[in-house]
Amino acid sequence: MNPILFFAADPEGGGGFASLFFLIAIFVIFYFFIIRPQSKKQKEISRKVSEMQKGDKIITSGGVVGKLVSSDEESALLEVDEGVKIRFMKNAIVDVNPEKGQSA
């Protein structure tokens, strides 16, 4: 086989390299616009949950808003109304707002 013809472009216009380039470009765009921001957000939530203190305003994945009363390794006790306390698993917490703890 002639080496020059081996690397010559396909006479029928097949774009194997172009298809591969677009597939890689789509993956890169997907990574920078979806995967990377979501992982940054998840790391920020994990950091906030590990640093939360008594009195912080907590929002759970179920939409419950309350003030943190206490927490242990796996769970957190929230006061959702005066005298009403609910225990949640820490992985159900989606936001911690320490500045807004007084209004909960």
PDB file of N, CA and C in Angstrom:
ATOM      1  N   MET A   1       0.837  -1.165   0.000  1.00  0.00           N
ATOM      2  CA  MET A   1       0.000   0.000   0.000  1.00  0.00           C
ATOM      3  C   MET A   1       0.891   1.240   0.000  1.00  0.00           C
ATOM      4  N   ASN A   2       0.502   2.190  -0.767  1.00  0.00           N
ATOM      5  CA  ASN A   2       1.248   3.431  -0.882  1.00  0.00           C
ATOM      6  C   ASN A   2       0.974   4.292   0.359  1.00  0.00           C
ATOM      7  N   PRO A   3       2.028   4.723   1.124  1.00  0.00           N
ATOM      8  CA  PRO A   3       1.799   5.486   2.351  1.00  0.00           C
ATOM      9  C   PRO A   3       1.138   6.836   2.093  1.00  0.00           C
ATOM     10  N   ILE A   4       1.343   7.412   0.939  1.00  0.00           N
ATOM     11  CA  ILE A   4       0.725   8.709   0.648  1.00  0.00           C
ATOM     12  C   ILE A   4      -0.780   8.551   0.504  1.00  0.00           C
ATOM     13  N   LEU A   5      -1.233   7.483  -0.124  1.00  0.00           N
ATOM     14  CA  LEU A   5      -2.662   7.258  -0.289  1.00  0.00           C
ATOM     15  C   LEU A   5      -3.327   6.844   1.023  1.00  0.00           C
ATOM     16  N   PHE A   6      -2.556   6.245   1.917  1.00  0.00           N
ATOM     17  CA  PHE A   6      -3.108   5.800   3.196  1.00  0.00           C
ATOM     18  C   PHE A   6      -3.597   6.986   4.034  1.00  0.00           C
ATOM     19  N   PHE A   7      -2.880   8.114   3.995  1.00  0.00           N
ATOM     20  CA  PHE A   7      -3.246   9.294   4.766  1.00  0.00           C
ATOM     21  C   PHE A   7      -4.067  10.304   3.966  1.00  0.00           C
ATOM     22  N   ALA A   8      -4.380  10.003   2.742  1.00  0.00           N
ATOM     23  CA  ALA A   8      -5.145  10.939   1.912  1.00  0.00           C
ATOM     24  C   ALA A   8      -6.586  11.014   2.414  1.00  0.00           C
ATOM     25  N   ALA A   9      -7.225  12.135   2.154  1.00  0.00           N
ATOM     26  CA  ALA A   9      -8.605  12.347   2.569  1.00  0.00           C
ATOM     27  C   ALA A   9      -9.526  11.376   1.849  1.00  0.00           C
ATOM     28  N   ASP A  10     -10.593  11.023   2.500  1.00  0.00           N
ATOM     29  CA  ASP A  10     -11.570  10.129   1.918  1.00  0.00           C
ATOM     30  C   ASP A  10     -12.242  10.832   0.741  1.00  0.00           C
ATOM     31  N   PRO A  11     -12.232  10.257  -0.460  1.00  0.00           N
ATOM     32  CA  PRO A  11     -12.805  10.931  -1.617  1.00  0.00           C
ATOM     33  C   PRO A  11     -14.319  11.121  -1.509  1.00  0.00           C
ATOM     34  N   GLU A  12     -14.986  10.389  -0.613  1.00  0.00           N
ATOM     35  CA  GLU A  12     -16.426  10.544  -0.486  1.00  0.00           C
ATOM     36  C   GLU A  12     -16.800  11.586   0.568  1.00  0.00           C
ATOM     37  N   GLY A  13     -15.822  12.243   1.164  1.00  0.00           N
ATOM     38  CA  GLY A  13     -16.088  13.335   2.102  1.00  0.00           C
ATOM     39  C   GLY A  13     -16.422  12.891   3.514  1.00  0.00           C
ATOM     40  N   GLY A  14     -16.051  11.705   3.920  1.00  0.00           N
ATOM     41  CA  GLY A  14     -16.295  11.237   5.288  1.00  0.00           C
ATOM     42  C   GLY A  14     -15.505  12.092   6.269  1.00  0.00           C
ATOM     43  N   GLY A  15     -16.134  12.575   7.304  1.00  0.00           N
ATOM     44  CA  GLY A  15     -15.478  13.456   8.258  1.00  0.00           C
ATOM     45  C   GLY A  15     -15.244  12.759   9.580  1.00  0.00           C
ATOM     46  N   GLY A  16     -14.449  11.724   9.609  1.00  0.00           N
ATOM     47  CA  GLY A  16     -14.174  11.003  10.847  1.00  0.00           C
ATOM     48  C   GLY A  16     -13.510  11.884  11.885  1.00  0.00           C
ATOM     49  N   PHE A  17     -12.538  12.661  11.461  1.00  0.00           N
ATOM     50  CA  PHE A  17     -11.838  13.545  12.387  1.00  0.00           C
ATOM     51  C   PHE A  17     -12.764  14.661  12.871  1.00  0.00           C
ATOM     52  N   ALA A  18     -13.567  15.202  11.970  1.00  0.00           N
ATOM     53  CA  ALA A  18     -14.489  16.269  12.343  1.00  0.00           C
ATOM     54  C   ALA A  18     -15.539  15.750  13.339  1.00  0.00           C
ATOM     55  N   SER A  19     -16.027  14.551  13.132  1.00  0.00           N
ATOM     56  CA  SER A  19     -16.996  13.967  14.062  1.00  0.00           C
ATOM     57  C   SER A  19     -16.379  13.755  15.431  1.00  0.00           C
ATOM     58  N   LEU A  20     -15.166  13.272  15.466  1.00  0.00           N
ATOM     59  CA  LEU A  20     -14.462  13.081  16.720  1.00  0.00           C
ATOM     60  C   LEU A  20     -14.220  14.413  17.412  1.00  0.00           C
ATOM     61  N   PHE A  21     -13.852  15.433  16.651  1.00  0.00           N
ATOM     62  CA  PHE A  21     -13.622  16.764  17.213  1.00  0.00           C
ATOM     63  C   PHE A  21     -14.901  17.315  17.847  1.00  0.00           C
ATOM     64  N   PHE A  22     -16.044  17.181  17.160  1.00  0.00           N
ATOM     65  CA  PHE A  22     -17.306  17.687  17.697  1.00  0.00           C
ATOM     66  C   PHE A  22     -17.753  16.901  18.928  1.00  0.00           C
ATOM     67  N   LEU A  23     -17.495  15.613  18.937  1.00  0.00           N
ATOM     68  CA  LEU A  23     -17.834  14.804  20.098  1.00  0.00           C
ATOM     69  C   LEU A  23     -17.017  15.247  21.313  1.00  0.00           C
ATOM     70  N   ILE A  24     -15.740  15.489  21.121  1.00  0.00           N
ATOM     71  CA  ILE A  24     -14.885  15.976  22.211  1.00  0.00           C
ATOM     72  C   ILE A  24     -15.307  17.376  22.627  1.00  0.00           C
ATOM     73  N   ALA A  25     -15.637  18.240  21.686  1.00  0.00           N
ATOM     74  CA  ALA A  25     -16.069  19.598  22.001  1.00  0.00           C
ATOM     75  C   ALA A  25     -17.360  19.590  22.816  1.00  0.00           C
ATOM     76  N   ILE A  26     -18.290  18.714  22.473  1.00  0.00           N
ATOM     77  CA  ILE A  26     -19.537  18.617  23.228  1.00  0.00           C
ATOM     78  C   ILE A  26     -19.262  18.162  24.654  1.00  0.00           C
ATOM     79  N   PHE A  27     -18.364  17.202  24.832  1.00  0.00           N
ATOM     80  CA  PHE A  27     -18.014  16.741  26.170  1.00  0.00           C
ATOM     81  C   PHE A  27     -17.370  17.855  26.988  1.00  0.00           C
ATOM     82  N   VAL A  28     -16.478  18.633  26.375  1.00  0.00           N
ATOM     83  CA  VAL A  28     -15.818  19.733  27.080  1.00  0.00           C
ATOM     84  C   VAL A  28     -16.842  20.789  27.494  1.00  0.00           C
ATOM     85  N   ILE A  29     -17.746  21.133  26.603  1.00  0.00           N
ATOM     86  CA  ILE A  29     -18.795  22.109  26.924  1.00  0.00           C
ATOM     87  C   ILE A  29     -19.682  21.569  28.044  1.00  0.00           C
ATOM     88  N   PHE A  30     -20.061  20.308  27.952  1.00  0.00           N
ATOM     89  CA  PHE A  30     -20.875  19.670  28.978  1.00  0.00           C
ATOM     90  C   PHE A  30     -20.170  19.726  30.331  1.00  0.00           C
ATOM     91  N   TYR A  31     -18.867  19.462  30.357  1.00  0.00           N
ATOM     92  CA  TYR A  31     -18.095  19.484  31.594  1.00  0.00           C
ATOM     93  C   TYR A  31     -18.076  20.883  32.205  1.00  0.00           C
ATOM     94  N   PHE A  32     -17.755  21.901  31.403  1.00  0.00           N
ATOM     95  CA  PHE A  32     -17.594  23.243  31.947  1.00  0.00           C
ATOM     96  C   PHE A  32     -18.911  23.924  32.303  1.00  0.00           C
ATOM     97  N   PHE A  33     -20.008  23.552  31.665  1.00  0.00           N
ATOM     98  CA  PHE A  33     -21.279  24.204  31.955  1.00  0.00           C
ATOM     99  C   PHE A  33     -22.192  23.415  32.877  1.00  0.00           C
ATOM    100  N   ILE A  34     -21.954  22.115  33.056  1.00  0.00           N
ATOM    101  CA  ILE A  34     -22.849  21.320  33.894  1.00  0.00           C
ATOM    102  C   ILE A  34     -22.107  20.615  35.027  1.00  0.00           C
ATOM    103  N   ILE A  35     -21.115  19.816  34.711  1.00  0.00           N
ATOM    104  CA  ILE A  35     -20.462  18.988  35.723  1.00  0.00           C
ATOM    105  C   ILE A  35     -19.649  19.825  36.707  1.00  0.00           C
ATOM    106  N   ARG A  36     -18.814  20.698  36.224  1.00  0.00           N
ATOM    107  CA  ARG A  36     -17.921  21.483  37.089  1.00  0.00           C
ATOM    108  C   ARG A  36     -18.688  22.411  38.036  1.00  0.00           C
ATOM    109  N   PRO A  37     -19.668  23.193  37.557  1.00  0.00           N
ATOM    110  CA  PRO A  37     -20.407  24.043  38.500  1.00  0.00           C
ATOM    111  C   PRO A  37     -21.182  23.241  39.553  1.00  0.00           C
ATOM    112  N   GLN A  38     -21.729  22.097  39.149  1.00  0.00           N
ATOM    113  CA  GLN A  38     -22.481  21.281  40.099  1.00  0.00           C
ATOM    114  C   GLN A  38     -21.564  20.709  41.175  1.00  0.00           C
ATOM    115  N   SER A  39     -20.372  20.276  40.796  1.00  0.00           N
ATOM    116  CA  SER A  39     -19.451  19.740  41.801  1.00  0.00           C
ATOM    117  C   SER A  39     -18.944  20.846  42.728  1.00  0.00           C
ATOM    118  N   LYS A  40     -18.744  22.057  42.199  1.00  0.00           N
ATOM    119  CA  LYS A  40     -18.345  23.182  43.052  1.00  0.00           C
ATOM    120  C   LYS A  40     -19.451  23.507  44.055  1.00  0.00           C
ATOM    121  N   LYS A  41     -20.693  23.494  43.597  1.00  0.00           N
ATOM    122  CA  LYS A  41     -21.824  23.782  44.471  1.00  0.00           C
ATOM    123  C   LYS A  41     -21.938  22.718  45.567  1.00  0.00           C
ATOM    124  N   GLN A  42     -21.751  21.454  45.205  1.00  0.00           N
ATOM    125  CA  GLN A  42     -21.831  20.368  46.176  1.00  0.00           C
ATOM    126  C   GLN A  42     -20.723  20.474  47.223  1.00  0.00           C
ATOM    127  N   LYS A  43     -19.522  20.848  46.801  1.00  0.00           N
ATOM    128  CA  LYS A  43     -18.418  21.030  47.749  1.00  0.00           C
ATOM    129  C   LYS A  43     -18.706  22.181  48.698  1.00  0.00           C
ATOM    130  N   GLU A  44     -19.307  23.259  48.195  1.00  0.00           N
ATOM    131  CA  GLU A  44     -19.647  24.411  49.031  1.00  0.00           C
ATOM    132  C   GLU A  44     -20.707  24.030  50.065  1.00  0.00           C
ATOM    133  N   ILE A  45     -21.714  23.262  49.665  1.00  0.00           N
ATOM    134  CA  ILE A  45     -22.743  22.818  50.596  1.00  0.00           C
ATOM    135  C   ILE A  45     -22.125  21.907  51.662  1.00  0.00           C
ATOM    136  N   SER A  46     -21.252  20.998  51.258  1.00  0.00           N
ATOM    137  CA  SER A  46     -20.591  20.113  52.220  1.00  0.00           C
ATOM    138  C   SER A  46     -19.768  20.908  53.221  1.00  0.00           C
ATOM    139  N   ARG A  47     -19.086  21.941  52.744  1.00  0.00           N
ATOM    140  CA  ARG A  47     -18.285  22.785  53.632  1.00  0.00           C
ATOM    141  C   ARG A  47     -19.189  23.503  54.633  1.00  0.00           C
ATOM    142  N   LYS A  48     -20.302  24.068  54.141  1.00  0.00           N
ATOM    143  CA  LYS A  48     -21.230  24.776  55.022  1.00  0.00           C
ATOM    144  C   LYS A  48     -21.827  23.841  56.076  1.00  0.00           C
ATOM    145  N   VAL A  49     -22.192  22.625  55.671  1.00  0.00           N
ATOM    146  CA  VAL A  49     -22.783  21.672  56.606  1.00  0.00           C
ATOM    147  C   VAL A  49     -21.766  21.288  57.676  1.00  0.00           C
ATOM    148  N   SER A  50     -20.524  21.110  57.298  1.00  0.00           N
ATOM    149  CA  SER A  50     -19.515  20.725  58.292  1.00  0.00           C
ATOM    150  C   SER A  50     -19.178  21.873  59.241  1.00  0.00           C
ATOM    151  N   GLU A  51     -19.401  23.120  58.818  1.00  0.00           N
ATOM    152  CA  GLU A  51     -19.070  24.280  59.644  1.00  0.00           C
ATOM    153  C   GLU A  51     -20.293  24.907  60.333  1.00  0.00           C
ATOM    154  N   MET A  52     -21.480  24.316  60.192  1.00  0.00           N
ATOM    155  CA  MET A  52     -22.674  24.942  60.768  1.00  0.00           C
ATOM    156  C   MET A  52     -22.606  24.926  62.292  1.00  0.00           C
ATOM    157  N   GLN A  53     -23.211  25.950  62.867  1.00  0.00           N
ATOM    158  CA  GLN A  53     -23.188  26.123  64.319  1.00  0.00           C
ATOM    159  C   GLN A  53     -24.605  26.312  64.834  1.00  0.00           C
ATOM    160  N   LYS A  54     -24.759  26.173  66.130  1.00  0.00           N
ATOM    161  CA  LYS A  54     -26.057  26.340  66.772  1.00  0.00           C
ATOM    162  C   LYS A  54     -26.601  27.735  66.452  1.00  0.00           C
ATOM    163  N   GLY A  55     -27.863  27.793  66.036  1.00  0.00           N
ATOM    164  CA  GLY A  55     -28.508  29.050  65.708  1.00  0.00           C
ATOM    165  C   GLY A  55     -28.534  29.375  64.224  1.00  0.00           C
ATOM    166  N   ASP A  56     -27.823  28.619  63.391  1.00  0.00           N
ATOM    167  CA  ASP A  56     -27.820  28.871  61.945  1.00  0.00           C
ATOM    168  C   ASP A  56     -29.165  28.485  61.341  1.00  0.00           C
ATOM    169  N   LYS A  57     -29.551  29.201  60.301  1.00  0.00           N
ATOM    170  CA  LYS A  57     -30.773  28.888  59.551  1.00  0.00           C
ATOM    171  C   LYS A  57     -30.439  27.761  58.586  1.00  0.00           C
ATOM    172  N   ILE A  58     -31.231  26.695  58.609  1.00  0.00           N
ATOM    173  CA  ILE A  58     -31.004  25.500  57.801  1.00  0.00           C
ATOM    174  C   ILE A  58     -32.193  25.298  56.872  1.00  0.00           C
ATOM    175  N   ILE A  59     -31.903  24.917  55.629  1.00  0.00           N
ATOM    176  CA  ILE A  59     -32.945  24.565  54.668  1.00  0.00           C
ATOM    177  C   ILE A  59     -32.693  23.131  54.225  1.00  0.00           C
ATOM    178  N   THR A  60     -33.724  22.281  54.293  1.00  0.00           N
ATOM    179  CA  THR A  60     -33.571  20.878  53.913  1.00  0.00           C
ATOM    180  C   THR A  60     -34.076  20.641  52.493  1.00  0.00           C
ATOM    181  N   SER A  61     -33.772  19.462  51.976  1.00  0.00           N
ATOM    182  CA  SER A  61     -34.198  19.124  50.618  1.00  0.00           C
ATOM    183  C   SER A  61     -35.717  19.014  50.509  1.00  0.00           C
ATOM    184  N   GLY A  62     -36.398  18.797  51.611  1.00  0.00           N
ATOM    185  CA  GLY A  62     -37.861  18.731  51.609  1.00  0.00           C
ATOM    186  C   GLY A  62     -38.515  20.095  51.729  1.00  0.00           C
ATOM    187  N   GLY A  63     -37.707  21.144  51.878  1.00  0.00           N
ATOM    188  CA  GLY A  63     -38.242  22.484  51.967  1.00  0.00           C
ATOM    189  C   GLY A  63     -38.491  22.966  53.383  1.00  0.00           C
ATOM    190  N   VAL A  64     -38.058  22.202  54.365  1.00  0.00           N
ATOM    191  CA  VAL A  64     -38.242  22.598  55.759  1.00  0.00           C
ATOM    192  C   VAL A  64     -37.158  23.601  56.133  1.00  0.00           C
ATOM    193  N   VAL A  65     -37.581  24.704  56.749  1.00  0.00           N
ATOM    194  CA  VAL A  65     -36.655  25.742  57.182  1.00  0.00           C
ATOM    195  C   VAL A  65     -36.705  25.797  58.696  1.00  0.00           C
ATOM    196  N   GLY A  66     -35.529  25.798  59.317  1.00  0.00           N
ATOM    197  CA  GLY A  66     -35.497  25.848  60.768  1.00  0.00           C
ATOM    198  C   GLY A  66     -34.169  26.345  61.285  1.00  0.00           C
ATOM    199  N   LYS A  67     -34.100  26.464  62.590  1.00  0.00           N
ATOM    200  CA  LYS A  67     -32.895  26.930  63.253  1.00  0.00           C
ATOM    201  C   LYS A  67     -32.204  25.724  63.875  1.00  0.00           C
ATOM    202  N   LEU A  68     -30.897  25.610  63.681  1.00  0.00           N
ATOM    203  CA  LEU A  68     -30.135  24.484  64.200  1.00  0.00           C
ATOM    204  C   LEU A  68     -30.062  24.555  65.718  1.00  0.00           C
ATOM    205  N   VAL A  69     -30.499  23.470  66.364  1.00  0.00           N
ATOM    206  CA  VAL A  69     -30.440  23.372  67.818  1.00  0.00           C
ATOM    207  C   VAL A  69     -29.201  22.588  68.225  1.00  0.00           C
ATOM    208  N   SER A  70     -28.970  21.453  67.571  1.00  0.00           N
ATOM    209  CA  SER A  70     -27.787  20.640  67.850  1.00  0.00           C
ATOM    210  C   SER A  70     -27.528  19.734  66.649  1.00  0.00           C
ATOM    211  N   SER A  71     -26.319  19.169  66.613  1.00  0.00           N
ATOM    212  CA  SER A  71     -25.980  18.238  65.536  1.00  0.00           C
ATOM    213  C   SER A  71     -24.975  17.225  66.054  1.00  0.00           C
ATOM    214  N   ASP A  72     -24.975  16.064  65.435  1.00  0.00           N
ATOM    215  CA  ASP A  72     -23.982  15.045  65.739  1.00  0.00           C
ATOM    216  C   ASP A  72     -23.362  14.576  64.433  1.00  0.00           C
ATOM    217  N   GLU A  73     -22.764  13.412  64.419  1.00  0.00           N
ATOM    218  CA  GLU A  73     -22.051  12.925  63.238  1.00  0.00           C
ATOM    219  C   GLU A  73     -22.928  12.845  61.990  1.00  0.00           C
ATOM    220  N   GLU A  74     -24.151  12.318  62.145  1.00  0.00           N
ATOM    221  CA  GLU A  74     -24.990  12.039  60.982  1.00  0.00           C
ATOM    222  C   GLU A  74     -26.261  12.867  60.894  1.00  0.00           C
ATOM    223  N   SER A  75     -26.693  13.467  61.997  1.00  0.00           N
ATOM    224  CA  SER A  75     -27.990  14.147  61.985  1.00  0.00           C
ATOM    225  C   SER A  75     -27.904  15.528  62.599  1.00  0.00           C
ATOM    226  N   ALA A  76     -28.973  16.288  62.382  1.00  0.00           N
ATOM    227  CA  ALA A  76     -29.086  17.635  62.935  1.00  0.00           C
ATOM    228  C   ALA A  76     -30.495  17.809  63.475  1.00  0.00           C
ATOM    229  N   LEU A  77     -30.596  18.472  64.619  1.00  0.00           N
ATOM    230  CA  LEU A  77     -31.882  18.748  65.237  1.00  0.00           C
ATOM    231  C   LEU A  77     -32.247  20.196  64.937  1.00  0.00           C
ATOM    232  N   LEU A  78     -33.394  20.389  64.256  1.00  0.00           N
ATOM    233  CA  LEU A  78     -33.833  21.725  63.867  1.00  0.00           C
ATOM    234  C   LEU A  78     -35.077  22.116  64.644  1.00  0.00           C
ATOM    235  N   GLU A  79     -35.149  23.381  65.008  1.00  0.00           N
ATOM    236  CA  GLU A  79     -36.358  23.924  65.606  1.00  0.00           C
ATOM    237  C   GLU A  79     -37.098  24.663  64.501  1.00  0.00           C
ATOM    238  N   VAL A  80     -38.259  24.132  64.099  1.00  0.00           N
ATOM    239  CA  VAL A  80     -39.000  24.715  62.988  1.00  0.00           C
ATOM    240  C   VAL A  80     -40.053  25.706  63.458  1.00  0.00           C
ATOM    241  N   ASP A  81     -40.436  25.618  64.710  1.00  0.00           N
ATOM    242  CA  ASP A  81     -41.355  26.563  65.331  1.00  0.00           C
ATOM    243  C   ASP A  81     -41.069  26.508  66.828  1.00  0.00           C
ATOM    244  N   GLU A  82     -41.614  27.414  67.563  1.00  0.00           N
ATOM    245  CA  GLU A  82     -41.333  27.443  68.989  1.00  0.00           C
ATOM    246  C   GLU A  82     -41.808  26.145  69.641  1.00  0.00           C
ATOM    247  N   GLY A  83     -40.865  25.382  70.169  1.00  0.00           N
ATOM    248  CA  GLY A  83     -41.175  24.109  70.819  1.00  0.00           C
ATOM    249  C   GLY A  83     -41.302  22.924  69.879  1.00  0.00           C
ATOM    250  N   VAL A  84     -41.184  23.117  68.592  1.00  0.00           N
ATOM    251  CA  VAL A  84     -41.304  22.025  67.619  1.00  0.00           C
ATOM    252  C   VAL A  84     -39.917  21.734  67.042  1.00  0.00           C
ATOM    253  N   LYS A  85     -39.400  20.537  67.321  1.00  0.00           N
ATOM    254  CA  LYS A  85     -38.066  20.166  66.862  1.00  0.00           C
ATOM    255  C   LYS A  85     -38.156  18.915  65.991  1.00  0.00           C
ATOM    256  N   ILE A  86     -37.366  18.901  64.938  1.00  0.00           N
ATOM    257  CA  ILE A  86     -37.338  17.779  64.001  1.00  0.00           C
ATOM    258  C   ILE A  86     -35.884  17.400  63.769  1.00  0.00           C
ATOM    259  N   ARG A  87     -35.611  16.089  63.744  1.00  0.00           N
ATOM    260  CA  ARG A  87     -34.260  15.615  63.479  1.00  0.00           C
ATOM    261  C   ARG A  87     -34.156  15.206  62.003  1.00  0.00           C
ATOM    262  N   PHE A  88     -33.106  15.698  61.336  1.00  0.00           N
ATOM    263  CA  PHE A  88     -32.855  15.402  59.923  1.00  0.00           C
ATOM    264  C   PHE A  88     -31.464  14.810  59.758  1.00  0.00           C
ATOM    265  N   MET A  89     -31.323  13.995  58.749  1.00  0.00           N
ATOM    266  CA  MET A  89     -29.998  13.514  58.378  1.00  0.00           C
ATOM    267  C   MET A  89     -29.249  14.677  57.725  1.00  0.00           C
ATOM    268  N   LYS A  90     -27.942  14.762  57.937  1.00  0.00           N
ATOM    269  CA  LYS A  90     -27.170  15.882  57.402  1.00  0.00           C
ATOM    270  C   LYS A  90     -27.163  15.903  55.874  1.00  0.00           C
ATOM    271  N   ASN A  91     -27.301  14.735  55.235  1.00  0.00           N
ATOM    272  CA  ASN A  91     -27.290  14.737  53.771  1.00  0.00           C
ATOM    273  C   ASN A  91     -28.583  15.305  53.181  1.00  0.00           C
ATOM    274  N   ALA A  92     -29.591  15.604  54.022  1.00  0.00           N
ATOM    275  CA  ALA A  92     -30.824  16.239  53.545  1.00  0.00           C
ATOM    276  C   ALA A  92     -30.720  17.759  53.575  1.00  0.00           C
ATOM    277  N   ILE A  93     -29.644  18.296  54.125  1.00  0.00           N
ATOM    278  CA  ILE A  93     -29.488  19.747  54.219  1.00  0.00           C
ATOM    279  C   ILE A  93     -28.955  20.273  52.890  1.00  0.00           C
ATOM    280  N   VAL A  94     -29.648  21.275  52.339  1.00  0.00           N
ATOM    281  CA  VAL A  94     -29.234  21.834  51.055  1.00  0.00           C
ATOM    282  C   VAL A  94     -28.665  23.241  51.166  1.00  0.00           C
ATOM    283  N   ASP A  95     -28.896  23.917  52.317  1.00  0.00           N
ATOM    284  CA  ASP A  95     -28.329  25.258  52.479  1.00  0.00           C
ATOM    285  C   ASP A  95     -28.226  25.600  53.957  1.00  0.00           C
ATOM    286  N   VAL A  96     -27.169  26.352  54.271  1.00  0.00           N
ATOM    287  CA  VAL A  96     -26.936  26.847  55.624  1.00  0.00           C
ATOM    288  C   VAL A  96     -26.684  28.333  55.502  1.00  0.00           C
ATOM    289  N   ASN A  97     -27.485  29.136  56.223  1.00  0.00           N
ATOM    290  CA  ASN A  97     -27.335  30.591  56.174  1.00  0.00           C
ATOM    291  C   ASN A  97     -27.066  31.115  57.579  1.00  0.00           C
ATOM    292  N   PRO A  98     -25.814  31.224  57.963  1.00  0.00           N
ATOM    293  CA  PRO A  98     -25.530  31.663  59.332  1.00  0.00           C
ATOM    294  C   PRO A  98     -25.974  33.086  59.621  1.00  0.00           C
ATOM    295  N   GLU A  99     -26.008  33.959  58.627  1.00  0.00           N
ATOM    296  CA  GLU A  99     -26.390  35.357  58.847  1.00  0.00           C
ATOM    297  C   GLU A  99     -27.878  35.497  59.140  1.00  0.00           C
ATOM    298  N   LYS A 100     -28.679  34.546  58.685  1.00  0.00           N
ATOM    299  CA  LYS A 100     -30.129  34.658  58.780  1.00  0.00           C
ATOM    300  C   LYS A 100     -30.696  33.790  59.896  1.00  0.00           C
ATOM    301  N   GLY A 101     -29.870  33.373  60.831  1.00  0.00           N
ATOM    302  CA  GLY A 101     -30.313  32.485  61.882  1.00  0.00           C
ATOM    303  C   GLY A 101     -31.342  33.092  62.811  1.00  0.00           C
ATOM    304  N   GLN A 102     -31.348  34.391  62.985  1.00  0.00           N
ATOM    305  CA  GLN A 102     -32.259  35.031  63.927  1.00  0.00           C
ATOM    306  C   GLN A 102     -33.698  35.047  63.431  1.00  0.00           C
ATOM    307  N   SER A 103     -33.929  35.008  62.106  1.00  0.00           N
ATOM    308  CA  SER A 103     -35.280  35.123  61.573  1.00  0.00           C
ATOM    309  C   SER A 103     -36.014  33.801  61.462  1.00  0.00           C
ATOM    310  N   ALA A 104     -35.341  32.677  61.750  1.00  0.00           N
ATOM    311  CA  ALA A 104     -35.997  31.369  61.602  1.00  0.00           C
ATOM    312  C   ALA A 104     -36.860  31.039  62.793  1.00  0.00           C
TER     313      ALA A 104
END
